[in-house]
All heavy atoms as atom14 arrays in JSON, in Angstrom:
{
  "sequence": "DAGLWIILLSMLMSFAGQMGDIAESALKRRMGVKDSSALIPGHGGLF",
  "atom14_mask": [
    [1, 1, 1, 1, 1, 1, 1, 1, 0, 0, 0, 0, 0, 0],
    [1, 1, 1, 1, 1, 0, 0, 0, 0, 0, 0, 0, 0, 0],
    [1, 1, 1, 1, 0, 0, 0, 0, 0, 0, 0, 0, 0, 0],
    [1, 1, 1, 1, 1, 1, 1, 1, 0, 0, 0, 0, 0, 0],
    [1, 1, 1, 1, 1, 1, 1, 1, 1, 1, 1, 1, 1, 1],
    [1, 1, 1, 1, 1, 1, 1, 1, 0, 0, 0, 0, 0, 0],
    [1, 1, 1, 1, 1, 1, 1, 1, 0, 0, 0, 0, 0, 0],
    [1, 1, 1, 1, 1, 1, 1, 1, 0, 0, 0, 0, 0, 0],
    [1, 1, 1, 1, 1, 1, 1, 1, 0, 0, 0, 0, 0, 0],
    [1, 1, 1, 1, 1, 1, 0, 0, 0, 0, 0, 0, 0, 0],
    [1, 1, 1, 1, 1, 1, 1, 1, 0, 0, 0, 0, 0, 0],
    [1, 1, 1, 1, 1, 1, 1, 1, 0, 0, 0, 0, 0, 0],
    [1, 1, 1, 1, 1, 1, 1, 1, 0, 0, 0, 0, 0, 0],
    [1, 1, 1, 1, 1, 1, 0, 0, 0, 0, 0, 0, 0, 0],
    [1, 1, 1, 1, 1, 1, 1, 1, 1, 1, 1, 0, 0, 0],
    [1, 1, 1, 1, 1, 0, 0, 0, 0, 0, 0, 0, 0, 0],
    [1, 1, 1, 1, 0, 0, 0, 0, 0, 0, 0, 0, 0, 0],
    [1, 1, 1, 1, 1, 1, 1, 1, 1, 0, 0, 0, 0, 0],
    [1, 1, 1, 1, 1, 1, 1, 1, 0, 0, 0, 0, 0, 0],
    [1, 1, 1, 1, 0, 0, 0, 0, 0, 0, 0, 0, 0, 0],
    [1, 1, 1, 1, 1, 1, 1, 1, 0, 0, 0, 0, 0, 0],
    [1, 1, 1, 1, 1, 1, 1, 1, 0, 0, 0, 0, 0, 0],
    [1, 1, 1, 1, 1, 0, 0, 0, 0, 0, 0, 0, 0, 0],
    [1, 1, 1, 1, 1, 1, 1, 1, 1, 0, 0, 0, 0, 0],
    [1, 1, 1, 1, 1, 1, 0, 0, 0, 0, 0, 0, 0, 0],
    [1, 1, 1, 1, 1, 0, 0, 0, 0, 0, 0, 0, 0, 0],
    [1, 1, 1, 1, 1, 1, 1, 1, 0, 0, 0, 0, 0, 0],
    [1, 1, 1, 1, 1, 1, 1, 1, 1, 0, 0, 0, 0, 0],
    [1, 1, 1, 1, 1, 1, 1, 1, 1, 1, 1, 0, 0, 0],
    [1, 1, 1, 1, 1, 1, 1, 1, 1, 1, 1, 0, 0, 0],
    [1, 1, 1, 1, 1, 1, 1, 1, 0, 0, 0, 0, 0, 0],
    [1, 1, 1, 1, 0, 0, 0, 0, 0, 0, 0, 0, 0, 0],
    [1, 1, 1, 1, 1, 1, 1, 0, 0, 0, 0, 0, 0, 0],
    [1, 1, 1, 1, 1, 1, 1, 1, 1, 0, 0, 0, 0, 0],
    [1, 1, 1, 1, 1, 1, 1, 1, 0, 0, 0, 0, 0, 0],
    [1, 1, 1, 1, 1, 1, 0, 0, 0, 0, 0, 0, 0, 0],
    [1, 1, 1, 1, 1, 1, 0, 0, 0, 0, 0, 0, 0, 0],
    [1, 1, 1, 1, 1, 0, 0, 0, 0, 0, 0, 0, 0, 0],
    [1, 1, 1, 1, 1, 1, 1, 1, 0, 0, 0, 0, 0, 0],
    [1, 1, 1, 1, 1, 1, 1, 1, 0, 0, 0, 0, 0, 0],
    [1, 1, 1, 1, 1, 1, 1, 0, 0, 0, 0, 0, 0, 0],
    [1, 1, 1, 1, 0, 0, 0, 0, 0, 0, 0, 0, 0, 0],
    [1, 1, 1, 1, 1, 1, 1, 1, 1, 1, 0, 0, 0, 0],
    [1, 1, 1, 1, 0, 0, 0, 0, 0, 0, 0, 0, 0, 0],
    [1, 1, 1, 1, 0, 0, 0, 0, 0, 0, 0, 0, 0, 0],
    [1, 1, 1, 1, 1, 1, 1, 1, 0, 0, 0, 0, 0, 0],
    [1, 1, 1, 1, 1, 1, 1, 1, 1, 1, 1, 0, 0, 0]
  ],
  "atom14_positions": [
    [[-60.02, -28.57, -18.84], [-59.03, -28.82, -19.88], [-58.02, -29.9, -19.47], [-57.07, -30.17, -20.21], [-58.28, -27.53, -20.21], [-59.18, -26.48, -20.83], [-60.16, -26.88, -21.5], [-58.92, -25.28, -20.63], [0.0, 0.0, 0.0], [0.0, 0.0, 0.0], [0.0, 0.0, 0.0], [0.0, 0.0, 0.0], [0.0, 0.0, 0.0], [0.0, 0.0, 0.0]],
    [[-58.21, -30.47, -18.31], [-57.27, -31.49, -17.83], [-57.36, -32.75, -18.68], [-58.45, -33.18, -19.08], [-57.56, -31.83, -16.38], [0.0, 0.0, 0.0], [0.0, 0.0, 0.0], [0.0, 0.0, 0.0], [0.0, 0.0, 0.0], [0.0, 0.0, 0.0], [0.0, 0.0, 0.0], [0.0, 0.0, 0.0], [0.0, 0.0, 0.0], [0.0, 0.0, 0.0]],
    [[-56.21, -33.35, -18.93], [-56.19, -34.61, -19.66], [-56.37, -35.79, -18.72], [-56.65, -35.62, -17.53], [0.0, 0.0, 0.0], [0.0, 0.0, 0.0], [0.0, 0.0, 0.0], [0.0, 0.0, 0.0], [0.0, 0.0, 0.0], [0.0, 0.0, 0.0], [0.0, 0.0, 0.0], [0.0, 0.0, 0.0], [0.0, 0.0, 0.0], [0.0, 0.0, 0.0]],
    [[-56.16, -36.97, -19.26], [-56.39, -38.18, -18.47], [-55.38, -38.36, -17.34], [-55.61, -39.16, -16.43], [-56.35, -39.41, -19.4], [-57.5, -39.49, -20.42], [-57.31, -40.71, -21.31], [-58.85, -39.54, -19.71], [0.0, 0.0, 0.0], [0.0, 0.0, 0.0], [0.0, 0.0, 0.0], [0.0, 0.0, 0.0], [0.0, 0.0, 0.0], [0.0, 0.0, 0.0]],
    [[-54.29, -37.58, -17.38], [-53.33, -37.66, -16.29], [-53.96, -37.27, -14.95], [-53.47, -37.65, -13.88], [-52.13, -36.75, -16.57], [-51.06, -37.41, -17.37], [-50.9, -37.38, -18.72], [-49.99, -38.23, -16.86], [-49.8, -38.12, -19.1], [-49.22, -38.66, -17.97], [-49.62, -38.65, -15.59], [-48.1, -39.47, -17.83], [-48.5, -39.46, -15.45], [-47.77, -39.86, -16.56]],
    [[-55.03, -36.51, -15.01], [-55.68, -36.06, -13.78], [-56.25, -37.25, -12.99], [-56.38, -37.2, -11.77], [-56.8, -35.05, -14.09], [-57.23, -34.31, -12.82], [-58.01, -35.72, -14.72], [-56.21, -33.36, -12.28], [0.0, 0.0, 0.0], [0.0, 0.0, 0.0], [0.0, 0.0, 0.0], [0.0, 0.0, 0.0], [0.0, 0.0, 0.0], [0.0, 0.0, 0.0]],
    [[-56.53, -38.33, -13.69], [-57.05, -39.54, -13.01], [-55.97, -40.15, -12.13], [-56.2, -40.46, -10.96], [-57.57, -40.55, -14.05], [-58.75, -39.96, -14.82], [-57.97, -41.87, -13.37], [-59.26, -40.85, -15.95], [0.0, 0.0, 0.0], [0.0, 0.0, 0.0], [0.0, 0.0, 0.0], [0.0, 0.0, 0.0], [0.0, 0.0, 0.0], [0.0, 0.0, 0.0]],
    [[-54.77, -40.32, -12.7], [-53.66, -40.86, -11.93], [-53.28, -39.91, -10.8], [-53.03, -40.35, -9.66], [-52.45, -41.1, -12.84], [-51.16, -41.56, -12.14], [-51.39, -42.88, -11.41], [-50.02, -41.69, -13.15], [0.0, 0.0, 0.0], [0.0, 0.0, 0.0], [0.0, 0.0, 0.0], [0.0, 0.0, 0.0], [0.0, 0.0, 0.0], [0.0, 0.0, 0.0]],
    [[-53.26, -38.62, -11.09], [-52.92, -37.64, -10.07], [-53.93, -37.66, -8.93], [-53.57, -37.51, -7.76], [-52.86, -36.25, -10.69], [-52.27, -35.13, -9.83], [-50.84, -35.46, -9.41], [-52.31, -33.8, -10.58], [0.0, 0.0, 0.0], [0.0, 0.0, 0.0], [0.0, 0.0, 0.0], [0.0, 0.0, 0.0], [0.0, 0.0, 0.0], [0.0, 0.0, 0.0]],
    [[-55.19, -37.87, -9.26], [-56.22, -37.96, -8.23], [-55.98, -39.14, -7.31], [-56.15, -39.05, -6.08], [-57.61, -38.08, -8.88], [-57.93, -36.95, -9.65], [0.0, 0.0, 0.0], [0.0, 0.0, 0.0], [0.0, 0.0, 0.0], [0.0, 0.0, 0.0], [0.0, 0.0, 0.0], [0.0, 0.0, 0.0], [0.0, 0.0, 0.0], [0.0, 0.0, 0.0]],
    [[-55.58, -40.26, -7.89], [-55.31, -41.45, -7.08], [-54.1, -41.25, -6.18], [-54.1, -41.66, -5.01], [-55.11, -42.66, -8.0], [-56.35, -43.02, -8.82], [-56.06, -44.35, -10.0], [-55.9, -45.75, -8.88], [0.0, 0.0, 0.0], [0.0, 0.0, 0.0], [0.0, 0.0, 0.0], [0.0, 0.0, 0.0], [0.0, 0.0, 0.0], [0.0, 0.0, 0.0]],
    [[-53.07, -40.59, -6.71], [-51.88, -40.32, -5.9], [-52.21, -39.35, -4.76], [-51.74, -39.52, -3.64], [-50.77, -39.73, -6.78], [-50.15, -40.69, -7.79], [-49.18, -39.94, -8.7], [-49.45, -41.85, -7.1], [0.0, 0.0, 0.0], [0.0, 0.0, 0.0], [0.0, 0.0, 0.0], [0.0, 0.0, 0.0], [0.0, 0.0, 0.0], [0.0, 0.0, 0.0]],
    [[-53.04, -38.36, -5.07], [-53.44, -37.42, -4.03], [-54.32, -38.1, -2.99], [-54.26, -37.79, -1.8], [-54.18, -36.23, -4.64], [-54.45, -35.12, -3.63], [-54.96, -33.6, -4.4], [-56.55, -34.09, -5.07], [0.0, 0.0, 0.0], [0.0, 0.0, 0.0], [0.0, 0.0, 0.0], [0.0, 0.0, 0.0], [0.0, 0.0, 0.0], [0.0, 0.0, 0.0]],
    [[-55.14, -39.05, -3.41], [-55.94, -39.84, -2.49], [-55.04, -40.57, -1.5], [-55.29, -40.57, -0.29], [-56.8, -40.84, -3.26], [-57.42, -41.76, -2.39], [0.0, 0.0, 0.0], [0.0, 0.0, 0.0], [0.0, 0.0, 0.0], [0.0, 0.0, 0.0], [0.0, 0.0, 0.0], [0.0, 0.0, 0.0], [0.0, 0.0, 0.0], [0.0, 0.0, 0.0]],
    [[-53.99, -41.17, -2.01], [-53.04, -41.88, -1.16], [-52.35, -40.91, -0.19], [-52.15, -41.23, 0.98], [-52.01, -42.6, -2.01], [-50.99, -43.37, -1.2], [-51.36, -44.48, -0.47], [-49.66, -42.96, -1.18], [-50.42, -45.18, 0.28], [-48.73, -43.65, -0.43], [-49.1, -44.77, 0.3], [0.0, 0.0, 0.0], [0.0, 0.0, 0.0], [0.0, 0.0, 0.0]],
    [[-52.0, -39.71, -0.69], [-51.37, -38.71, 0.17], [-52.32, -38.31, 1.31], [-51.89, -38.14, 2.46], [-50.98, -37.48, -0.64], [0.0, 0.0, 0.0], [0.0, 0.0, 0.0], [0.0, 0.0, 0.0], [0.0, 0.0, 0.0], [0.0, 0.0, 0.0], [0.0, 0.0, 0.0], [0.0, 0.0, 0.0], [0.0, 0.0, 0.0], [0.0, 0.0, 0.0]],
    [[-53.6, -38.17, 0.98], [-54.59, -37.87, 2.01], [-54.69, -38.99, 3.04], [-54.79, -38.74, 4.25], [0.0, 0.0, 0.0], [0.0, 0.0, 0.0], [0.0, 0.0, 0.0], [0.0, 0.0, 0.0], [0.0, 0.0, 0.0], [0.0, 0.0, 0.0], [0.0, 0.0, 0.0], [0.0, 0.0, 0.0], [0.0, 0.0, 0.0], [0.0, 0.0, 0.0]],
    [[-54.66, -40.22, 2.56], [-54.7, -41.36, 3.48], [-53.49, -41.38, 4.39], [-53.58, -41.73, 5.57], [-54.79, -42.66, 2.67], [-56.12, -42.84, 1.96], [-56.08, -43.98, 0.95], [-55.02, -44.37, 0.46], [-57.25, -44.51, 0.61], [0.0, 0.0, 0.0], [0.0, 0.0, 0.0], [0.0, 0.0, 0.0], [0.0, 0.0, 0.0], [0.0, 0.0, 0.0]],
    [[-52.33, -40.99, 3.84], [-51.12, -40.93, 4.67], [-51.21, -39.8, 5.7], [-50.67, -39.92, 6.8], [-49.89, -40.73, 3.78], [-49.53, -41.94, 2.94], [-49.17, -43.42, 3.94], [-50.74, -44.29, 3.88], [0.0, 0.0, 0.0], [0.0, 0.0, 0.0], [0.0, 0.0, 0.0], [0.0, 0.0, 0.0], [0.0, 0.0, 0.0], [0.0, 0.0, 0.0]],
    [[-51.9, -38.72, 5.36], [-52.15, -37.68, 6.35], [-52.98, -38.2, 7.5], [-52.72, -37.91, 8.67], [0.0, 0.0, 0.0], [0.0, 0.0, 0.0], [0.0, 0.0, 0.0], [0.0, 0.0, 0.0], [0.0, 0.0, 0.0], [0.0, 0.0, 0.0], [0.0, 0.0, 0.0], [0.0, 0.0, 0.0], [0.0, 0.0, 0.0], [0.0, 0.0, 0.0]],
    [[-53.98, -38.99, 7.16], [-54.84, -39.63, 8.17], [-54.02, -40.59, 9.02], [-54.13, -40.61, 10.26], [-55.97, -40.37, 7.45], [-57.07, -40.81, 8.41], [-56.89, -40.69, 9.62], [-58.11, -41.29, 7.94], [0.0, 0.0, 0.0], [0.0, 0.0, 0.0], [0.0, 0.0, 0.0], [0.0, 0.0, 0.0], [0.0, 0.0, 0.0], [0.0, 0.0, 0.0]],
    [[-53.18, -41.4, 8.37], [-52.34, -42.36, 9.08], [-51.37, -41.64, 10.02], [-51.13, -42.06, 11.16], [-51.55, -43.23, 8.08], [-52.48, -44.21, 7.36], [-50.41, -43.96, 8.76], [-52.96, -45.35, 8.23], [0.0, 0.0, 0.0], [0.0, 0.0, 0.0], [0.0, 0.0, 0.0], [0.0, 0.0, 0.0], [0.0, 0.0, 0.0], [0.0, 0.0, 0.0]],
    [[-50.79, -40.53, 9.54], [-49.83, -39.77, 10.35], [-50.48, -39.25, 11.62], [-49.9, -39.33, 12.71], [-49.25, -38.61, 9.54], [0.0, 0.0, 0.0], [0.0, 0.0, 0.0], [0.0, 0.0, 0.0], [0.0, 0.0, 0.0], [0.0, 0.0, 0.0], [0.0, 0.0, 0.0], [0.0, 0.0, 0.0], [0.0, 0.0, 0.0], [0.0, 0.0, 0.0]],
    [[-51.71, -38.74, 11.49], [-52.39, -38.24, 12.69], [-52.78, -39.38, 13.62], [-52.73, -39.24, 14.84], [-53.63, -37.43, 12.3], [-54.04, -36.44, 13.38], [-55.47, -36.63, 13.87], [-56.17, -37.47, 13.3], [-55.88, -35.96, 14.83], [0.0, 0.0, 0.0], [0.0, 0.0, 0.0], [0.0, 0.0, 0.0], [0.0, 0.0, 0.0], [0.0, 0.0, 0.0]],
    [[-53.16, -40.52, 13.04], [-53.48, -41.7, 13.86], [-52.26, -42.15, 14.65], [-52.36, -42.5, 15.83], [-53.99, -42.84, 12.97], [-55.22, -42.52, 12.37], [0.0, 0.0, 0.0], [0.0, 0.0, 0.0], [0.0, 0.0, 0.0], [0.0, 0.0, 0.0], [0.0, 0.0, 0.0], [0.0, 0.0, 0.0], [0.0, 0.0, 0.0], [0.0, 0.0, 0.0]],
    [[-51.09, -42.12, 13.99], [-49.85, -42.5, 14.66], [-49.54, -41.52, 15.8], [-49.09, -41.93, 16.87], [-48.7, -42.53, 13.65], [0.0, 0.0, 0.0], [0.0, 0.0, 0.0], [0.0, 0.0, 0.0], [0.0, 0.0, 0.0], [0.0, 0.0, 0.0], [0.0, 0.0, 0.0], [0.0, 0.0, 0.0], [0.0, 0.0, 0.0], [0.0, 0.0, 0.0]],
    [[-49.79, -40.24, 15.55], [-49.55, -39.23, 16.58], [-50.46, -39.47, 17.78], [-50.0, -39.44, 18.94], [-49.8, -37.84, 15.99], [-49.76, -36.67, 16.98], [-48.38, -36.52, 17.59], [-50.19, -35.38, 16.28], [0.0, 0.0, 0.0], [0.0, 0.0, 0.0], [0.0, 0.0, 0.0], [0.0, 0.0, 0.0], [0.0, 0.0, 0.0], [0.0, 0.0, 0.0]],
    [[-51.74, -39.71, 17.55], [-52.67, -39.93, 18.65], [-52.32, -41.2, 19.42], [-52.41, -41.23, 20.66], [-54.11, -39.99, 18.12], [-54.64, -38.67, 17.62], [-56.13, -38.7, 17.32], [-56.46, -39.59, 16.16], [-57.9, -39.52, 15.8], [0.0, 0.0, 0.0], [0.0, 0.0, 0.0], [0.0, 0.0, 0.0], [0.0, 0.0, 0.0], [0.0, 0.0, 0.0]],
    [[-51.94, -42.23, 18.7], [-51.55, -43.48, 19.37], [-50.31, -43.24, 20.23], [-50.19, -43.76, 21.36], [-51.31, -44.56, 18.33], [-50.96, -45.93, 18.9], [-50.99, -46.99, 17.82], [-52.35, -47.26, 17.4], [-53.13, -48.19, 17.95], [-52.66, -48.92, 18.95], [-54.35, -48.39, 17.52], [0.0, 0.0, 0.0], [0.0, 0.0, 0.0], [0.0, 0.0, 0.0]],
    [[-49.38, -42.47, 19.7], [-48.14, -42.18, 20.43], [-48.43, -41.37, 21.69], [-47.82, -41.59, 22.74], [-47.19, -41.4, 19.52], [-45.81, -41.12, 20.12], [-44.96, -40.35, 19.12], [-43.65, -40.04, 19.62], [-42.59, -40.82, 19.51], [-42.7, -41.98, 18.89], [-41.41, -40.47, 19.99], [0.0, 0.0, 0.0], [0.0, 0.0, 0.0], [0.0, 0.0, 0.0]],
    [[-49.39, -40.46, 21.59], [-49.73, -39.61, 22.73], [-50.75, -40.26, 23.66], [-51.05, -39.73, 24.73], [-50.29, -38.26, 22.23], [-49.32, -37.42, 21.43], [-47.83, -37.0, 22.36], [-46.61, -38.03, 21.52], [0.0, 0.0, 0.0], [0.0, 0.0, 0.0], [0.0, 0.0, 0.0], [0.0, 0.0, 0.0], [0.0, 0.0, 0.0], [0.0, 0.0, 0.0]],
    [[-51.33, -41.38, 23.25], [-52.3, -42.08, 24.07], [-53.64, -41.39, 24.19], [-54.28, -41.43, 25.25], [0.0, 0.0, 0.0], [0.0, 0.0, 0.0], [0.0, 0.0, 0.0], [0.0, 0.0, 0.0], [0.0, 0.0, 0.0], [0.0, 0.0, 0.0], [0.0, 0.0, 0.0], [0.0, 0.0, 0.0], [0.0, 0.0, 0.0], [0.0, 0.0, 0.0]],
    [[-54.07, -40.73, 23.1], [-55.36, -40.04, 23.1], [-56.24, -40.59, 21.98], [-55.75, -41.09, 20.97], [-55.19, -38.51, 22.92], [-54.39, -37.93, 24.09], [-54.52, -38.17, 21.6], [0.0, 0.0, 0.0], [0.0, 0.0, 0.0], [0.0, 0.0, 0.0], [0.0, 0.0, 0.0], [0.0, 0.0, 0.0], [0.0, 0.0, 0.0], [0.0, 0.0, 0.0]],
    [[-57.54, -40.47, 22.17], [-58.48, -40.94, 21.17], [-58.73, -39.9, 20.09], [-58.83, -40.22, 18.9], [-59.81, -41.32, 21.84], [-60.85, -41.85, 20.86], [-62.16, -42.18, 21.57], [-63.2, -42.66, 20.56], [-64.51, -42.94, 21.23], [0.0, 0.0, 0.0], [0.0, 0.0, 0.0], [0.0, 0.0, 0.0], [0.0, 0.0, 0.0], [0.0, 0.0, 0.0]],
    [[-58.86, -38.63, 20.51], [-59.13, -37.53, 19.6], [-58.13, -36.41, 19.83], [-57.53, -36.3, 20.91], [-60.55, -36.98, 19.79], [-61.62, -38.03, 19.52], [-61.53, -38.7, 18.47], [-62.54, -38.18, 20.35], [0.0, 0.0, 0.0], [0.0, 0.0, 0.0], [0.0, 0.0, 0.0], [0.0, 0.0, 0.0], [0.0, 0.0, 0.0], [0.0, 0.0, 0.0]],
    [[-57.98, -35.55, 18.81], [-57.05, -34.43, 18.95], [-57.55, -33.42, 19.98], [-56.77, -32.72, 20.62], [-56.83, -33.75, 17.6], [-58.04, -33.25, 17.07], [0.0, 0.0, 0.0], [0.0, 0.0, 0.0], [0.0, 0.0, 0.0], [0.0, 0.0, 0.0], [0.0, 0.0, 0.0], [0.0, 0.0, 0.0], [0.0, 0.0, 0.0], [0.0, 0.0, 0.0]],
    [[-58.87, -33.32, 20.13], [-59.49, -32.47, 21.16], [-60.96, -32.84, 21.23], [-61.43, -33.7, 20.49], [-59.32, -30.98, 20.83], [-60.21, -30.58, 19.79], [0.0, 0.0, 0.0], [0.0, 0.0, 0.0], [0.0, 0.0, 0.0], [0.0, 0.0, 0.0], [0.0, 0.0, 0.0], [0.0, 0.0, 0.0], [0.0, 0.0, 0.0], [0.0, 0.0, 0.0]],
    [[-61.68, -32.17, 22.11], [-63.12, -32.38, 22.23], [-63.88, -31.18, 21.68], [-65.01, -30.9, 22.1], [-63.5, -32.63, 23.68], [0.0, 0.0, 0.0], [0.0, 0.0, 0.0], [0.0, 0.0, 0.0], [0.0, 0.0, 0.0], [0.0, 0.0, 0.0], [0.0, 0.0, 0.0], [0.0, 0.0, 0.0], [0.0, 0.0, 0.0], [0.0, 0.0, 0.0]],
    [[-63.26, -30.47, 20.76], [-63.84, -29.23, 20.23], [-65.17, -29.46, 19.54], [-66.08, -28.64, 19.64], [-62.85, -28.59, 19.27], [-63.13, -27.16, 18.83], [-63.09, -26.22, 20.03], [-62.12, -26.71, 17.77], [0.0, 0.0, 0.0], [0.0, 0.0, 0.0], [0.0, 0.0, 0.0], [0.0, 0.0, 0.0], [0.0, 0.0, 0.0], [0.0, 0.0, 0.0]],
    [[-65.29, -30.58, 18.8], [-66.54, -30.9, 18.1], [-67.15, -32.1, 18.8], [-66.67, -33.23, 18.63], [-66.28, -31.23, 16.62], [-65.37, -30.18, 15.98], [-67.59, -31.34, 15.84], [-64.89, -30.55, 14.6], [0.0, 0.0, 0.0], [0.0, 0.0, 0.0], [0.0, 0.0, 0.0], [0.0, 0.0, 0.0], [0.0, 0.0, 0.0], [0.0, 0.0, 0.0]],
    [[-68.2, -31.92, 19.58], [-68.78, -33.02, 20.35], [-69.12, -34.23, 19.47], [-69.82, -34.11, 18.47], [-70.06, -32.4, 20.94], [-69.75, -30.94, 21.02], [-68.91, -30.64, 19.81], [0.0, 0.0, 0.0], [0.0, 0.0, 0.0], [0.0, 0.0, 0.0], [0.0, 0.0, 0.0], [0.0, 0.0, 0.0], [0.0, 0.0, 0.0], [0.0, 0.0, 0.0]],
    [[-68.56, -35.37, 19.85], [-68.82, -36.6, 19.11], [-67.95, -36.8, 17.89], [-67.99, -37.87, 17.26], [0.0, 0.0, 0.0], [0.0, 0.0, 0.0], [0.0, 0.0, 0.0], [0.0, 0.0, 0.0], [0.0, 0.0, 0.0], [0.0, 0.0, 0.0], [0.0, 0.0, 0.0], [0.0, 0.0, 0.0], [0.0, 0.0, 0.0], [0.0, 0.0, 0.0]],
    [[-67.15, -35.79, 17.53], [-66.34, -35.88, 16.32], [-64.87, -35.53, 16.55], [-64.1, -35.51, 15.61], [-66.9, -34.96, 15.23], [-68.25, -35.38, 14.72], [-68.41, -36.35, 13.74], [-69.5, -35.0, 15.08], [-69.7, -36.52, 13.5], [-70.38, -35.72, 14.31], [0.0, 0.0, 0.0], [0.0, 0.0, 0.0], [0.0, 0.0, 0.0], [0.0, 0.0, 0.0]],
    [[-64.49, -35.26, 17.78], [-63.1, -34.94, 18.05], [-62.78, -33.49, 17.77], [-63.55, -32.58, 18.07], [0.0, 0.0, 0.0], [0.0, 0.0, 0.0], [0.0, 0.0, 0.0], [0.0, 0.0, 0.0], [0.0, 0.0, 0.0], [0.0, 0.0, 0.0], [0.0, 0.0, 0.0], [0.0, 0.0, 0.0], [0.0, 0.0, 0.0], [0.0, 0.0, 0.0]],
    [[-61.61, -33.25, 17.19], [-61.15, -31.89, 16.93], [-61.01, -31.6, 15.44], [-61.28, -32.45, 14.59], [0.0, 0.0, 0.0], [0.0, 0.0, 0.0], [0.0, 0.0, 0.0], [0.0, 0.0, 0.0], [0.0, 0.0, 0.0], [0.0, 0.0, 0.0], [0.0, 0.0, 0.0], [0.0, 0.0, 0.0], [0.0, 0.0, 0.0], [0.0, 0.0, 0.0]],
    [[-60.55, -30.4, 15.14], [-60.35, -30.02, 13.73], [-59.24, -30.84, 13.09], [-59.29, -31.15, 11.91], [-60.03, -28.52, 13.64], [-61.15, -27.55, 14.03], [-60.75, -26.12, 13.7], [-62.46, -27.9, 13.31], [0.0, 0.0, 0.0], [0.0, 0.0, 0.0], [0.0, 0.0, 0.0], [0.0, 0.0, 0.0], [0.0, 0.0, 0.0], [0.0, 0.0, 0.0]],
    [[-58.21, -31.17, 13.88], [-57.13, -32.0, 13.36], [-57.66, -33.35, 12.9], [-57.23, -33.89, 11.88], [-56.06, -32.18, 14.45], [-54.69, -32.52, 13.91], [-53.62, -32.64, 14.78], [-54.45, -32.71, 12.56], [-52.35, -32.97, 14.32], [-53.19, -33.03, 12.08], [-52.14, -33.16, 12.97], [0.0, 0.0, 0.0], [0.0, 0.0, 0.0], [0.0, 0.0, 0.0]]
  ]
}
């Protein structure tokens, strides 16, 4: 039942997700690590 506003909201949420990714990248760069952990071999951690 969602109207066309859901399209704009989806794009804004996409950007928010990208900022979540950027925030974690900034954290890893600040801490000098490549991955949040080695919990998932070849893929880093859950974070």
